[in-house]
């Protein structure tokens, strides 16, 4: 990926991508991060606006499902970093796509069930990072799915329990500073 485009993605600057002749899903970092991965990873707080993500997906819908070298999709990163408004937008965008005729599963459910190289879904990521609002959004969208364990034998429920126990112990000892 060109350094100018990388910086634009980090900042959420849509301008350089509007005139880009290259297919946006071919703009990759050495770790195969797309412009959405770069943007989501570099937002230290939840973006107030979903404008950048929405405009990029409008121009290149396949980015919704595109994984990096670690198998992480934009949904994995949005869940990890508690970008709940982006999580909702990604789900909305996936719902607008046609279902897979063979499996009859919606694109939204396909996206929610995608796993990275560690076998983690976006729900695993949200639970691990104690993102309760994102956990609520994800579980509401796919209530029937029994989330499997990842390669370490951890289910999202197990991860959430362990994280809450750790936070509870830190609060009790006075080490927790939210």
Protein backbone atom coordinates (compact mmCIF):
# COMPACT_ATOMS: atom_id res chain seq x y z
CA UNK A 1 0.00 0.00 0.00
CA UNK A 2 1.27 3.43 -0.91
CA UNK A 3 2.40 5.38 2.22
CA UNK A 4 0.12 8.32 1.35
CA UNK A 5 -2.90 5.99 1.17
CA UNK A 6 -1.82 4.25 4.39
CA UNK A 7 -1.74 7.61 6.23
CA UNK A 8 -5.11 8.54 4.74
CA UNK A 9 -6.59 5.24 5.97
CA UNK A 10 -5.14 5.78 9.47
CA UNK A 11 -6.75 9.22 9.62
CA UNK A 12 -10.05 8.18 8.03
CA UNK A 13 -9.48 10.60 5.16
CA UNK A 14 -11.72 9.44 2.31
CA UNK A 15 -10.38 11.94 -0.27
CA UNK A 16 -7.41 9.98 -1.67
CA UNK A 17 -9.56 6.86 -2.10
CA UNK A 18 -12.26 8.60 -4.14
CA UNK A 19 -9.86 9.04 -7.06
CA UNK A 20 -7.97 5.78 -6.57
CA UNK A 21 -8.04 3.66 -9.73
CA UNK A 22 -6.84 0.51 -7.95
CA UNK A 23 -9.51 -1.82 -6.57
CA UNK A 24 -9.65 -0.93 -2.89
CA UNK A 25 -9.47 -4.58 -1.82
CA UNK A 26 -6.05 -4.80 -3.49
CA UNK A 27 -4.56 -2.03 -1.34
CA UNK A 28 -2.78 -4.08 1.31
CA UNK A 29 -0.10 -3.57 3.95
CA UNK A 30 2.66 -6.19 4.31
CA UNK A 31 0.41 -7.98 6.86
CA UNK A 32 -2.41 -7.93 4.29
CA UNK A 33 -4.34 -5.33 6.26
CA UNK A 34 -6.88 -3.52 4.10
CA UNK A 35 -7.65 0.17 4.46
CA UNK A 36 -10.48 -0.78 6.84
CA UNK A 37 -8.10 -2.79 9.05
CA UNK A 38 -5.67 0.14 9.11
CA UNK A 39 -8.43 2.62 9.97
CA UNK A 40 -10.04 0.50 12.72
CA UNK A 41 -6.72 -0.39 14.34
CA UNK A 42 -5.70 3.27 14.56
CA UNK A 43 -8.83 4.68 16.17
CA UNK A 44 -7.96 5.03 19.87
CA UNK A 45 -11.55 5.86 20.78
CA UNK A 46 -14.78 4.83 19.14
CA UNK A 47 -15.17 6.85 15.95
CA UNK A 48 -18.10 9.23 16.29
CA UNK A 49 -18.91 8.74 12.65
CA UNK A 50 -19.07 5.66 10.46
CA UNK A 51 -18.68 7.83 7.36
CA UNK A 52 -15.24 6.53 6.32
CA UNK A 53 -16.17 2.85 6.72
CA UNK A 54 -19.53 3.35 5.00
CA UNK A 55 -18.03 5.19 2.01
CA UNK A 56 -15.25 2.61 1.58
CA UNK A 57 -17.76 -0.27 1.69
CA UNK A 58 -19.98 1.58 -0.77
CA UNK A 59 -17.09 1.56 -3.24
CA UNK A 60 -15.83 -1.94 -2.42
CA UNK A 61 -18.31 -4.31 -0.66
CA UNK A 62 -15.88 -7.31 -0.67
CA UNK A 63 -13.81 -5.51 2.01
CA UNK A 64 -16.57 -6.45 4.46
CA UNK A 65 -15.32 -10.06 4.49
CA UNK A 66 -11.65 -9.60 3.60
CA UNK A 67 -9.25 -11.00 6.20
CA UNK A 68 -5.64 -10.05 6.88
CA UNK A 69 -2.75 -12.52 7.37
CA UNK A 70 -4.05 -13.38 10.85
CA UNK A 71 -7.50 -14.12 9.44
CA UNK A 72 -9.01 -11.03 11.07
CA UNK A 73 -11.91 -9.32 9.31
CA UNK A 74 -12.94 -5.70 9.89
CA UNK A 75 -15.60 -7.06 12.27
CA UNK A 76 -12.93 -8.73 14.41
CA UNK A 77 -11.11 -5.40 14.80
CA UNK A 78 -14.26 -3.34 15.37
CA UNK A 79 -15.29 -5.81 18.11
CA UNK A 80 -11.81 -5.86 19.70
CA UNK A 81 -11.54 -2.07 19.87
CA UNK A 82 -15.15 -1.46 20.98
CA UNK A 83 -16.23 0.40 17.86
CA UNK A 84 -19.87 -0.52 18.45
CA UNK A 85 -21.25 1.90 15.86
CA UNK A 86 -18.93 0.36 13.25
CA UNK A 87 -20.01 -3.15 14.34
CA UNK A 88 -23.63 -2.13 13.75
CA UNK A 89 -22.77 -0.65 10.34
CA UNK A 90 -20.88 -3.78 9.25
CA UNK A 91 -23.83 -5.97 10.26
CA UNK A 92 -26.26 -3.63 8.46
CA UNK A 93 -24.11 -3.77 5.31
CA UNK A 94 -23.90 -7.58 5.47
CA UNK A 95 -27.67 -7.89 5.94
CA UNK A 96 -28.20 -5.95 2.71
CA UNK A 97 -26.34 -8.63 0.73
CA UNK A 98 -28.15 -11.71 -0.67
CA UNK A 99 -28.09 -14.98 1.28
CA UNK A 100 -26.00 -17.93 0.18
CA UNK A 101 -28.46 -20.10 -1.81
CA UNK A 102 -26.82 -23.40 -0.82
CA UNK A 103 -26.60 -22.92 2.93
CA UNK A 104 -29.49 -20.44 3.16
CA UNK A 105 -27.46 -18.54 5.71
CA UNK A 106 -27.44 -14.76 5.57
CA UNK A 107 -24.23 -12.88 4.79
CA UNK A 108 -24.55 -11.19 8.19
CA UNK A 109 -24.51 -14.54 9.99
CA UNK A 110 -21.65 -15.73 7.79
CA UNK A 111 -19.67 -12.65 8.81
CA UNK A 112 -20.51 -13.06 12.52
CA UNK A 113 -19.35 -16.69 12.42
CA UNK A 114 -16.05 -16.08 10.59
CA UNK A 115 -13.01 -17.13 12.59
CA UNK A 116 -9.47 -15.82 12.53
CA UNK A 117 -6.30 -17.93 12.61
CA UNK A 118 -6.80 -18.60 16.33
CA UNK A 119 -10.38 -19.75 15.81
CA UNK A 120 -11.79 -16.57 17.36
CA UNK A 121 -15.02 -15.01 16.15
CA UNK A 122 -15.75 -11.32 16.66
CA UNK A 123 -17.62 -12.37 19.82
CA UNK A 124 -14.45 -13.99 21.20
CA UNK A 125 -12.63 -10.68 20.57
CA UNK A 126 -15.33 -8.58 22.24
CA UNK A 127 -15.46 -10.89 25.28
CA UNK A 128 -11.66 -10.97 25.63
CA UNK A 129 -11.51 -7.19 25.61
CA UNK A 130 -14.50 -6.76 27.93
CA UNK A 131 -16.58 -4.89 25.33
CA UNK A 132 -20.04 -5.49 26.80
CA UNK A 133 -21.92 -3.23 24.36
CA UNK A 134 -20.38 -5.07 21.40
CA UNK A 135 -21.07 -8.47 23.02
CA UNK A 136 -24.73 -7.47 23.32
CA UNK A 137 -24.93 -6.40 19.65
CA UNK A 138 -23.25 -9.58 18.39
CA UNK A 139 -25.27 -12.02 20.49
CA UNK A 140 -28.53 -10.28 19.55
CA UNK A 141 -27.75 -10.75 15.85
CA UNK A 142 -27.14 -14.51 15.95
CA UNK A 143 -28.99 -15.97 18.93
CA UNK A 144 -29.20 -19.52 17.54
CA UNK A 145 -25.48 -19.98 16.93
CA UNK A 146 -23.55 -21.98 19.51
CA UNK A 147 -20.16 -20.29 19.36
CA UNK A 148 -17.44 -22.96 19.28
CA UNK A 149 -14.20 -22.98 21.21
CA UNK A 150 -11.14 -21.46 19.57
CA UNK A 151 -7.85 -23.33 19.06
CA UNK A 152 -7.07 -22.84 22.77
CA UNK A 153 -10.36 -24.45 23.83
CA UNK A 154 -11.91 -21.11 24.85
CA UNK A 155 -15.52 -20.21 24.09
CA UNK A 156 -16.66 -16.57 24.24
CA UNK A 157 -18.54 -17.38 27.46
CA UNK A 158 -15.41 -18.84 29.07
CA UNK A 159 -13.32 -15.84 28.00
CA UNK A 160 -15.89 -13.40 29.38
CA UNK A 161 -15.99 -15.23 32.71
CA UNK A 162 -12.20 -15.24 33.07
CA UNK A 163 -11.90 -11.56 32.13
CA UNK A 164 -14.61 -10.58 34.64
CA UNK A 165 -12.90 -12.61 37.39
CA UNK A 166 -9.60 -10.86 36.71
CA UNK A 167 -11.23 -7.43 36.74
CA UNK A 168 -13.07 -8.33 39.96
CA UNK A 169 -9.81 -9.35 41.66
CA UNK A 170 -8.09 -6.18 40.46
CA UNK A 171 -10.95 -4.03 41.80
CA UNK A 172 -10.82 -5.83 45.13
CA UNK A 173 -7.07 -5.23 45.43
CA UNK A 174 -7.38 -1.59 44.32
CA UNK A 175 -5.42 -2.12 41.10
CA UNK A 176 -8.32 -1.51 38.71
CA UNK A 177 -8.50 1.93 37.11
CA UNK A 178 -11.19 1.97 34.37
